[in-house]
Amino acid sequence: MSLPDDIISLSSDWCEGVPQLTDFSIPRCYFSDPLVNNFKTLEHIFSDASSKGIWNSSLYLRVTSSNKEILTFVASKNRIAPLKTLTLPRLELMGALLSA
């Protein structure tokens, strides 16, 4: 049994457009306006685990100047535990490793 012609056409069009994605970029602007020269940056990384077998990590960037403070989300990752049962402390350690 084969796929319908309309699905084959759509998927082939999509596959032809994939090479163009190498030229696509999204600028990451973490600050809405320029800060003064004297500023301090801090990275805040949070990781957590669940007894349901999921662990994750999130990264925030905090920039502080003399008159302004900005906190912005940078990235996050999550994972699902393998079928083998793992203890919660082990999952928390895997979350810390994901944060590294």
N, C-alpha and C. Protein backbone atom coordinates (compact mmCIF):
# COMPACT_ATOMS: atom_id res chain seq x y z
N MET A 1 0.85 -1.17 0.00
CA MET A 1 0.00 0.00 0.00
C MET A 1 0.90 1.24 0.00
N SER A 2 0.65 2.17 -0.88
CA SER A 2 1.49 3.37 -0.98
C SER A 2 0.72 4.59 -0.46
N LEU A 3 1.47 5.66 -0.27
CA LEU A 3 0.87 6.91 0.20
C LEU A 3 0.08 7.58 -0.91
N PRO A 4 -0.93 8.38 -0.55
CA PRO A 4 -1.68 9.13 -1.56
C PRO A 4 -0.76 10.13 -2.27
N ASP A 5 -1.12 10.46 -3.51
CA ASP A 5 -0.29 11.36 -4.33
C ASP A 5 -0.12 12.74 -3.71
N ASP A 6 -1.16 13.27 -3.04
CA ASP A 6 -1.03 14.61 -2.46
C ASP A 6 -0.02 14.63 -1.32
N ILE A 7 0.05 13.57 -0.54
CA ILE A 7 1.03 13.49 0.55
C ILE A 7 2.43 13.33 -0.02
N ILE A 8 2.57 12.54 -1.05
CA ILE A 8 3.88 12.37 -1.70
C ILE A 8 4.36 13.70 -2.26
N SER A 9 3.46 14.46 -2.88
CA SER A 9 3.82 15.76 -3.45
C SER A 9 4.24 16.74 -2.36
N LEU A 10 3.48 16.79 -1.27
CA LEU A 10 3.82 17.70 -0.17
C LEU A 10 5.15 17.33 0.47
N SER A 11 5.39 16.05 0.69
CA SER A 11 6.64 15.64 1.33
C SER A 11 7.84 15.87 0.43
N SER A 12 7.68 15.69 -0.88
CA SER A 12 8.81 15.95 -1.78
C SER A 12 9.10 17.44 -1.87
N ASP A 13 8.06 18.28 -1.84
CA ASP A 13 8.28 19.74 -1.82
C ASP A 13 9.01 20.15 -0.55
N TRP A 14 8.63 19.57 0.58
CA TRP A 14 9.27 19.88 1.85
C TRP A 14 10.74 19.45 1.82
N CYS A 15 11.01 18.26 1.31
CA CYS A 15 12.40 17.76 1.24
C CYS A 15 13.27 18.63 0.35
N GLU A 16 12.70 19.18 -0.72
CA GLU A 16 13.47 20.06 -1.59
C GLU A 16 13.81 21.38 -0.90
N GLY A 17 12.99 21.82 0.03
CA GLY A 17 13.24 23.08 0.73
C GLY A 17 14.18 22.96 1.91
N VAL A 18 14.45 21.76 2.38
CA VAL A 18 15.30 21.56 3.57
C VAL A 18 16.70 22.14 3.39
N PRO A 19 17.38 21.97 2.25
CA PRO A 19 18.73 22.54 2.12
C PRO A 19 18.78 24.06 2.30
N GLN A 20 17.68 24.75 2.04
CA GLN A 20 17.64 26.20 2.22
C GLN A 20 17.70 26.60 3.69
N LEU A 21 17.40 25.68 4.59
CA LEU A 21 17.40 25.99 6.01
C LEU A 21 18.80 26.24 6.56
N THR A 22 19.84 25.82 5.83
CA THR A 22 21.20 26.08 6.31
C THR A 22 21.51 27.57 6.30
N ASP A 23 20.84 28.35 5.47
CA ASP A 23 21.04 29.79 5.41
C ASP A 23 20.13 30.55 6.38
N PHE A 24 19.27 29.86 7.07
CA PHE A 24 18.29 30.48 7.96
C PHE A 24 18.89 30.63 9.36
N SER A 25 18.77 31.81 9.92
CA SER A 25 19.24 32.01 11.30
C SER A 25 18.29 32.94 12.03
N ILE A 26 18.21 32.73 13.31
CA ILE A 26 17.39 33.57 14.18
C ILE A 26 18.33 34.28 15.14
N PRO A 27 18.39 35.60 15.10
CA PRO A 27 19.29 36.30 16.02
C PRO A 27 18.79 36.15 17.46
N ARG A 28 19.72 35.94 18.37
CA ARG A 28 19.36 35.81 19.78
C ARG A 28 19.67 37.12 20.49
N CYS A 29 18.67 37.92 20.64
CA CYS A 29 18.83 39.20 21.32
C CYS A 29 18.33 39.02 22.75
N TYR A 30 19.25 38.95 23.68
CA TYR A 30 18.87 38.71 25.07
C TYR A 30 18.51 39.99 25.81
N PHE A 31 18.85 41.12 25.24
CA PHE A 31 18.60 42.39 25.91
C PHE A 31 17.81 43.30 24.99
N SER A 32 16.77 43.92 25.52
CA SER A 32 15.92 44.76 24.69
C SER A 32 16.56 46.11 24.38
N ASP A 33 17.46 46.57 25.21
CA ASP A 33 18.15 47.82 24.94
C ASP A 33 19.59 47.73 25.45
N PRO A 34 20.48 48.51 24.87
CA PRO A 34 21.88 48.43 25.29
C PRO A 34 22.05 48.88 26.74
N LEU A 35 22.93 48.22 27.43
CA LEU A 35 23.21 48.57 28.82
C LEU A 35 24.44 49.46 28.87
N VAL A 36 24.67 50.06 30.01
CA VAL A 36 25.87 50.87 30.19
C VAL A 36 27.09 49.96 30.20
N ASN A 37 28.27 50.53 30.12
CA ASN A 37 29.49 49.75 30.02
C ASN A 37 29.74 48.85 31.23
N ASN A 38 29.42 49.33 32.41
CA ASN A 38 29.67 48.54 33.62
C ASN A 38 28.46 47.66 33.92
N PHE A 39 28.57 46.39 33.59
CA PHE A 39 27.49 45.47 33.90
C PHE A 39 28.06 44.13 34.32
N LYS A 40 27.24 43.37 35.01
CA LYS A 40 27.64 42.06 35.52
C LYS A 40 26.63 41.04 35.02
N THR A 41 27.12 39.90 34.54
CA THR A 41 26.23 38.85 34.07
C THR A 41 26.34 37.63 34.98
N LEU A 42 25.22 37.00 35.20
CA LEU A 42 25.15 35.76 35.97
C LEU A 42 24.30 34.76 35.20
N GLU A 43 24.74 33.52 35.19
CA GLU A 43 23.94 32.45 34.60
C GLU A 43 23.26 31.69 35.74
N HIS A 44 21.98 31.50 35.61
CA HIS A 44 21.21 30.71 36.58
C HIS A 44 20.75 29.45 35.87
N ILE A 45 21.19 28.31 36.35
CA ILE A 45 20.82 27.03 35.75
C ILE A 45 20.04 26.23 36.78
N PHE A 46 18.85 25.79 36.40
CA PHE A 46 18.00 25.00 37.27
C PHE A 46 17.81 23.62 36.64
N SER A 47 17.89 22.59 37.47
CA SER A 47 17.58 21.25 36.97
C SER A 47 16.65 20.58 37.96
N ASP A 48 15.86 19.66 37.45
CA ASP A 48 14.87 18.98 38.28
C ASP A 48 14.62 17.60 37.71
N ALA A 49 14.11 16.73 38.55
CA ALA A 49 13.76 15.38 38.12
C ALA A 49 12.40 15.02 38.71
N SER A 50 11.76 14.06 38.07
CA SER A 50 10.44 13.62 38.50
C SER A 50 10.45 12.12 38.71
N SER A 51 9.63 11.66 39.62
CA SER A 51 9.52 10.22 39.85
C SER A 51 8.88 9.52 38.65
N LYS A 52 8.31 10.27 37.74
CA LYS A 52 7.70 9.69 36.53
C LYS A 52 8.75 9.39 35.47
N GLY A 53 10.02 9.73 35.73
CA GLY A 53 11.09 9.39 34.80
C GLY A 53 11.44 10.48 33.82
N ILE A 54 11.29 11.72 34.24
CA ILE A 54 11.64 12.86 33.38
C ILE A 54 12.61 13.74 34.15
N TRP A 55 13.63 14.25 33.45
CA TRP A 55 14.50 15.24 34.07
C TRP A 55 14.73 16.37 33.10
N ASN A 56 14.98 17.57 33.64
CA ASN A 56 15.14 18.72 32.75
C ASN A 56 16.11 19.73 33.35
N SER A 57 16.47 20.70 32.51
CA SER A 57 17.39 21.75 32.89
C SER A 57 16.99 23.02 32.15
N SER A 58 17.07 24.17 32.84
CA SER A 58 16.75 25.46 32.23
C SER A 58 17.85 26.46 32.55
N LEU A 59 18.16 27.33 31.59
CA LEU A 59 19.21 28.33 31.74
C LEU A 59 18.62 29.72 31.56
N TYR A 60 18.89 30.59 32.53
CA TYR A 60 18.49 31.99 32.47
C TYR A 60 19.74 32.85 32.59
N LEU A 61 19.72 34.00 31.95
CA LEU A 61 20.83 34.94 32.01
C LEU A 61 20.35 36.19 32.73
N ARG A 62 21.11 36.61 33.74
CA ARG A 62 20.77 37.81 34.51
C ARG A 62 21.87 38.84 34.29
N VAL A 63 21.50 40.00 33.81
CA VAL A 63 22.44 41.09 33.56
C VAL A 63 22.06 42.25 34.46
N THR A 64 23.04 42.72 35.24
CA THR A 64 22.81 43.80 36.18
C THR A 64 23.76 44.95 35.88
N SER A 65 23.21 46.15 35.78
CA SER A 65 24.02 47.35 35.65
C SER A 65 23.72 48.24 36.85
N SER A 66 24.25 49.45 36.85
CA SER A 66 24.05 50.33 38.00
C SER A 66 22.59 50.73 38.19
N ASN A 67 21.83 50.79 37.12
CA ASN A 67 20.44 51.25 37.25
C ASN A 67 19.40 50.29 36.68
N LYS A 68 19.82 49.12 36.21
CA LYS A 68 18.88 48.23 35.54
C LYS A 68 19.25 46.77 35.77
N GLU A 69 18.24 45.93 35.78
CA GLU A 69 18.46 44.49 35.88
C GLU A 69 17.55 43.79 34.88
N ILE A 70 18.13 42.88 34.10
CA ILE A 70 17.38 42.15 33.08
C ILE A 70 17.57 40.66 33.31
N LEU A 71 16.49 39.91 33.29
CA LEU A 71 16.52 38.45 33.40
C LEU A 71 15.86 37.90 32.15
N THR A 72 16.57 37.00 31.45
CA THR A 72 16.02 36.48 30.20
C THR A 72 16.25 34.97 30.10
N PHE A 73 15.29 34.29 29.52
CA PHE A 73 15.38 32.85 29.29
C PHE A 73 16.32 32.60 28.12
N VAL A 74 17.23 31.62 28.27
CA VAL A 74 18.19 31.30 27.21
C VAL A 74 17.85 29.97 26.56
N ALA A 75 17.76 28.91 27.35
CA ALA A 75 17.53 27.58 26.76
C ALA A 75 17.02 26.61 27.81
N SER A 76 16.47 25.51 27.34
CA SER A 76 16.09 24.42 28.24
C SER A 76 16.23 23.10 27.50
N LYS A 77 16.42 22.05 28.28
CA LYS A 77 16.51 20.70 27.73
C LYS A 77 15.73 19.78 28.66
N ASN A 78 15.20 18.71 28.11
CA ASN A 78 14.58 17.69 28.95
C ASN A 78 14.82 16.33 28.35
N ARG A 79 14.74 15.34 29.17
CA ARG A 79 14.97 13.96 28.76
C ARG A 79 13.94 13.06 29.44
N ILE A 80 13.73 11.91 28.83
CA ILE A 80 12.87 10.88 29.39
C ILE A 80 13.75 9.71 29.77
N ALA A 81 13.51 9.16 30.95
CA ALA A 81 14.35 8.08 31.46
C ALA A 81 14.16 6.81 30.62
N PRO A 82 15.19 5.98 30.58
CA PRO A 82 15.06 4.70 29.88
C PRO A 82 14.04 3.80 30.59
N LEU A 83 13.70 2.71 29.95
CA LEU A 83 12.70 1.80 30.51
C LEU A 83 13.15 1.21 31.84
N LYS A 84 14.45 1.05 32.01
CA LYS A 84 14.98 0.55 33.28
C LYS A 84 14.65 1.55 34.38
N THR A 85 14.09 1.08 35.48
CA THR A 85 13.71 1.96 36.58
C THR A 85 14.94 2.55 37.24
N LEU A 86 14.94 3.89 37.37
CA LEU A 86 16.03 4.60 38.02
C LEU A 86 15.51 5.29 39.27
N THR A 87 16.37 5.42 40.26
CA THR A 87 15.97 6.10 41.49
C THR A 87 15.89 7.61 41.24
N LEU A 88 15.14 8.30 42.08
CA LEU A 88 15.01 9.74 41.95
C LEU A 88 16.35 10.46 42.13
N PRO A 89 17.20 10.06 43.11
CA PRO A 89 18.51 10.71 43.20
C PRO A 89 19.34 10.52 41.93
N ARG A 90 19.25 9.37 41.30
CA ARG A 90 19.98 9.13 40.06
C ARG A 90 19.46 10.05 38.95
N LEU A 91 18.14 10.20 38.86
CA LEU A 91 17.56 11.10 37.86
C LEU A 91 17.98 12.55 38.12
N GLU A 92 18.06 12.94 39.40
CA GLU A 92 18.50 14.30 39.72
C GLU A 92 19.95 14.51 39.32
N LEU A 93 20.78 13.49 39.50
CA LEU A 93 22.17 13.58 39.05
C LEU A 93 22.24 13.70 37.53
N MET A 94 21.37 12.99 36.84
CA MET A 94 21.35 13.08 35.38
C MET A 94 20.88 14.47 34.93
N GLY A 95 19.98 15.09 35.71
CA GLY A 95 19.57 16.47 35.43
C GLY A 95 20.72 17.43 35.62
N ALA A 96 21.54 17.21 36.65
CA ALA A 96 22.72 18.05 36.87
C ALA A 96 23.71 17.88 35.73
N LEU A 97 23.87 16.66 35.24
CA LEU A 97 24.76 16.41 34.11
C LEU A 97 24.24 17.10 32.85
N LEU A 98 22.94 17.11 32.68
CA LEU A 98 22.33 17.79 31.54
C LEU A 98 22.59 19.29 31.61
N SER A 99 22.70 19.82 32.82
CA SER A 99 22.95 21.25 33.01
C SER A 99 24.39 21.63 32.72
N ALA A 100 25.29 20.67 32.79
CA ALA A 100 26.72 20.99 32.63
C ALA A 100 27.07 21.41 31.23
